[in-house]
């Protein structure tokens, strides 16, 4: 799908003041990965690309709205006269792709599964590590405190309100993502990125303990 320059600029503007890892470059990476997965898995690439472009425009971490909001996505799609049936498919994807701890949903469509995998893949590996610390810093979270243990049993409300450390975030979310992949293609990509993060954590603990 070829997006108009105006639509891309509108989406980019939403993220221009974000420094916590949900910037416009994140959107572009998710679009690229999603398109790759879609071609292999046989998903509708046009739906996948549009949903990828808009997947974070209503993110509660940026907008402060509830986790199911699709207000900005609908405004943009209406502004650019996107077909109503396409809008329904895209908003259904946006509502279901976010990580919500124990309340996490699996999208009903293949296209939704692809976009969810792509979004999760950008939370893994070297970029995932960088984004985790950028986000933690933007929320005034400690890097690590060995006296604060990960909370591994949260619902969506508890997850949103949880004040954690960046290292705990690996255990509360990031290291869970590989086994939550929906597609074989996504899982195969996730394996290497997951291992990279586990290697990083081993080195982190060694250095923390002066070994």
Protein backbone atom coordinates (compact mmCIF):
# COMPACT_ATOMS: atom_id res chain seq x y z
CA UNK A 1 0.00 0.00 0.00
CA UNK A 2 1.32 3.43 -0.92
CA UNK A 3 0.39 5.97 1.74
CA UNK A 4 0.01 9.63 0.97
CA UNK A 5 2.70 11.94 2.26
CA UNK A 6 0.01 13.81 4.21
CA UNK A 7 -1.11 10.67 6.09
CA UNK A 8 2.46 9.72 6.93
CA UNK A 9 3.12 13.26 8.17
CA UNK A 10 -0.01 13.19 10.33
CA UNK A 11 1.08 9.93 11.96
CA UNK A 12 4.63 11.16 12.41
CA UNK A 13 3.36 14.30 14.16
CA UNK A 14 1.64 12.21 16.84
CA UNK A 15 4.98 10.72 17.89
CA UNK A 16 7.26 13.74 17.49
CA UNK A 17 7.53 14.37 21.24
CA UNK A 18 7.94 10.76 22.31
CA UNK A 19 11.34 9.74 23.64
CA UNK A 20 10.32 6.49 25.27
CA UNK A 21 10.73 4.08 22.36
CA UNK A 22 7.36 4.62 20.66
CA UNK A 23 8.60 7.14 18.13
CA UNK A 24 7.82 7.14 14.42
CA UNK A 25 10.85 4.97 13.67
CA UNK A 26 9.23 2.24 15.78
CA UNK A 27 6.16 2.47 13.54
CA UNK A 28 8.28 2.21 10.41
CA UNK A 29 10.12 -0.85 11.75
CA UNK A 30 6.84 -2.56 12.66
CA UNK A 31 5.50 -1.85 9.17
CA UNK A 32 8.59 -3.34 7.56
CA UNK A 33 8.59 -6.49 9.70
CA UNK A 34 4.82 -6.92 9.35
CA UNK A 35 4.98 -6.66 5.58
CA UNK A 36 7.72 -9.30 5.51
CA UNK A 37 5.74 -11.69 7.72
CA UNK A 38 2.51 -11.05 5.79
CA UNK A 39 4.05 -12.08 2.48
CA UNK A 40 5.32 -15.36 3.94
CA UNK A 41 2.17 -16.16 5.91
CA UNK A 42 -0.27 -15.15 3.14
CA UNK A 43 -1.94 -12.24 4.91
CA UNK A 44 -3.52 -9.23 3.22
CA UNK A 45 -0.55 -6.88 2.98
CA UNK A 46 -2.65 -3.74 2.52
CA UNK A 47 -4.57 -4.32 5.76
CA UNK A 48 -1.35 -5.26 7.53
CA UNK A 49 0.50 -2.14 6.38
CA UNK A 50 -2.32 0.25 7.31
CA UNK A 51 -2.84 -1.37 10.71
CA UNK A 52 0.91 -1.25 11.32
CA UNK A 53 1.04 2.44 10.42
CA UNK A 54 -1.79 3.25 12.83
CA UNK A 55 -1.17 0.65 15.54
CA UNK A 56 0.24 3.10 18.11
CA UNK A 57 -1.60 6.35 17.31
CA UNK A 58 -3.97 5.68 20.22
CA UNK A 59 -1.45 4.03 22.55
CA UNK A 60 -2.36 4.86 26.16
CA UNK A 61 1.31 5.49 26.96
CA UNK A 62 1.26 8.39 24.51
CA UNK A 63 -2.33 9.62 24.58
CA UNK A 64 -3.30 8.87 28.18
CA UNK A 65 -6.56 7.32 26.92
CA UNK A 66 -7.83 3.84 27.73
CA UNK A 67 -6.19 0.80 26.16
CA UNK A 68 -9.07 0.16 23.74
CA UNK A 69 -9.24 3.65 22.23
CA UNK A 70 -9.15 3.94 18.44
CA UNK A 71 -10.14 7.61 18.27
CA UNK A 72 -7.05 8.90 16.46
CA UNK A 73 -6.99 5.96 14.06
CA UNK A 74 -10.62 6.56 13.08
CA UNK A 75 -10.06 10.28 12.61
CA UNK A 76 -7.13 9.65 10.31
CA UNK A 77 -8.86 6.97 8.27
CA UNK A 78 -11.95 9.15 7.87
CA UNK A 79 -9.79 12.12 6.89
CA UNK A 80 -8.24 10.12 4.07
CA UNK A 81 -11.48 8.37 3.05
CA UNK A 82 -10.40 4.84 3.92
CA UNK A 83 -13.08 2.28 3.06
CA UNK A 84 -15.38 1.60 6.04
CA UNK A 85 -14.90 -2.16 5.89
CA UNK A 86 -11.14 -1.66 5.93
CA UNK A 87 -11.55 0.67 8.91
CA UNK A 88 -13.38 -2.05 10.85
CA UNK A 89 -10.62 -4.55 10.15
CA UNK A 90 -7.90 -2.10 11.17
CA UNK A 91 -9.59 -0.93 14.37
CA UNK A 92 -10.22 -4.54 15.41
CA UNK A 93 -6.49 -5.18 15.06
CA UNK A 94 -5.50 -2.06 16.98
CA UNK A 95 -7.82 -2.95 19.89
CA UNK A 96 -6.32 -6.39 20.34
CA UNK A 97 -2.58 -6.23 19.64
CA UNK A 98 -1.31 -4.61 22.85
CA UNK A 99 0.34 -6.61 25.61
CA UNK A 100 -2.04 -6.62 28.60
CA UNK A 101 -0.30 -9.08 30.94
CA UNK A 102 -2.75 -11.85 31.89
CA UNK A 103 -5.48 -10.14 29.85
CA UNK A 104 -3.52 -10.17 26.58
CA UNK A 105 -5.69 -11.01 23.56
CA UNK A 106 -4.97 -12.90 20.36
CA UNK A 107 -6.33 -11.09 17.29
CA UNK A 108 -9.02 -12.99 15.41
CA UNK A 109 -7.63 -12.31 11.92
CA UNK A 110 -4.39 -13.47 10.36
CA UNK A 111 -3.61 -9.82 9.60
CA UNK A 112 -4.00 -8.96 13.29
CA UNK A 113 -1.75 -11.83 14.30
CA UNK A 114 0.90 -10.61 11.86
CA UNK A 115 0.82 -7.02 13.16
CA UNK A 116 0.89 -8.23 16.76
CA UNK A 117 3.95 -10.36 16.01
CA UNK A 118 5.71 -7.48 14.27
CA UNK A 119 5.02 -5.12 17.17
CA UNK A 120 6.34 -7.69 19.63
CA UNK A 121 9.44 -8.37 17.57
CA UNK A 122 10.41 -4.70 17.87
CA UNK A 123 10.34 -5.18 21.65
CA UNK A 124 12.96 -7.95 21.39
CA UNK A 125 16.67 -8.09 20.63
CA UNK A 126 19.09 -5.16 20.65
CA UNK A 127 16.41 -2.62 19.74
CA UNK A 128 14.11 -4.11 22.35
CA UNK A 129 16.77 -3.60 25.02
CA UNK A 130 17.36 -0.02 23.91
CA UNK A 131 13.63 0.71 23.88
CA UNK A 132 13.16 -0.81 27.32
CA UNK A 133 15.72 1.49 28.90
CA UNK A 134 14.49 4.51 26.94
CA UNK A 135 10.95 3.86 28.14
CA UNK A 136 12.02 3.21 31.71
CA UNK A 137 13.97 6.44 31.80
CA UNK A 138 11.05 8.39 30.37
CA UNK A 139 8.88 7.07 33.23
CA UNK A 140 11.49 7.72 35.96
CA UNK A 141 11.84 4.00 36.59
CA UNK A 142 14.96 2.65 38.27
CA UNK A 143 17.28 0.69 36.01
CA UNK A 144 17.50 -2.13 38.57
CA UNK A 145 16.96 -2.76 42.24
CA UNK A 146 17.60 -6.34 43.40
CA UNK A 147 15.18 -5.80 46.30
CA UNK A 148 12.26 -5.16 43.93
CA UNK A 149 11.04 -8.43 42.44
CA UNK A 150 9.12 -8.81 39.16
CA UNK A 151 5.35 -9.05 39.38
CA UNK A 152 4.47 -12.02 37.20
CA UNK A 153 0.73 -12.20 37.81
CA UNK A 154 -0.94 -8.95 36.75
CA UNK A 155 -4.17 -8.15 34.95
CA UNK A 156 -4.29 -5.30 32.43
CA UNK A 157 -5.16 -2.60 34.97
CA UNK A 158 -2.40 -3.72 37.33
CA UNK A 159 0.07 -3.85 34.45
CA UNK A 160 -0.70 -0.27 33.38
CA UNK A 161 -0.36 1.05 36.94
CA UNK A 162 2.66 -1.08 37.86
CA UNK A 163 5.74 0.90 38.96
CA UNK A 164 8.61 -1.37 38.10
CA UNK A 165 12.31 -1.37 37.18
CA UNK A 166 13.56 -1.75 33.63
CA UNK A 167 15.21 -5.08 34.42
CA UNK A 168 11.94 -6.34 35.91
CA UNK A 169 10.21 -5.34 32.67
CA UNK A 170 12.17 -8.05 30.90
CA UNK A 171 10.55 -10.69 33.11
CA UNK A 172 7.12 -9.05 33.28
CA UNK A 173 6.84 -8.75 29.49
CA UNK A 174 9.79 -9.00 27.12
CA UNK A 175 10.95 -12.55 27.88
CA UNK A 176 7.36 -13.78 27.54
CA UNK A 177 6.93 -12.57 23.97
CA UNK A 178 8.78 -15.30 22.06
CA UNK A 179 6.32 -17.95 23.17
CA UNK A 180 3.37 -15.65 22.48
CA UNK A 181 4.13 -15.32 18.77
CA UNK A 182 1.21 -16.18 16.50
CA UNK A 183 3.02 -17.10 13.29
CA UNK A 184 5.84 -19.46 12.52
CA UNK A 185 7.70 -16.67 10.78
CA UNK A 186 7.41 -14.40 13.79
CA UNK A 187 8.53 -17.16 16.15
CA UNK A 188 11.60 -17.96 14.07
CA UNK A 189 12.70 -14.32 14.14
CA UNK A 190 11.95 -14.08 17.85
CA UNK A 191 14.23 -16.98 18.82
CA UNK A 192 17.47 -15.11 18.08
CA UNK A 193 16.26 -11.83 19.55
CA UNK A 194 15.05 -13.52 22.72
CA UNK A 195 18.41 -15.23 23.21
CA UNK A 196 20.24 -11.92 22.69
CA UNK A 197 18.26 -10.42 25.57
CA UNK A 198 18.96 -13.39 27.82
CA UNK A 199 22.68 -13.08 27.07
CA UNK A 200 22.48 -9.36 27.87
CA UNK A 201 20.85 -10.06 31.23
CA UNK A 202 23.55 -12.59 32.14
CA UNK A 203 26.23 -10.01 31.39
CA UNK A 204 24.30 -7.31 33.24
CA UNK A 205 24.19 -9.41 36.43
CA UNK A 206 27.88 -10.29 36.12
CA UNK A 207 28.83 -6.63 35.90
CA UNK A 208 26.38 -5.64 38.64
CA UNK A 209 28.05 -8.15 40.97
CA UNK A 210 31.55 -7.08 39.87
CA UNK A 211 32.43 -10.42 38.32
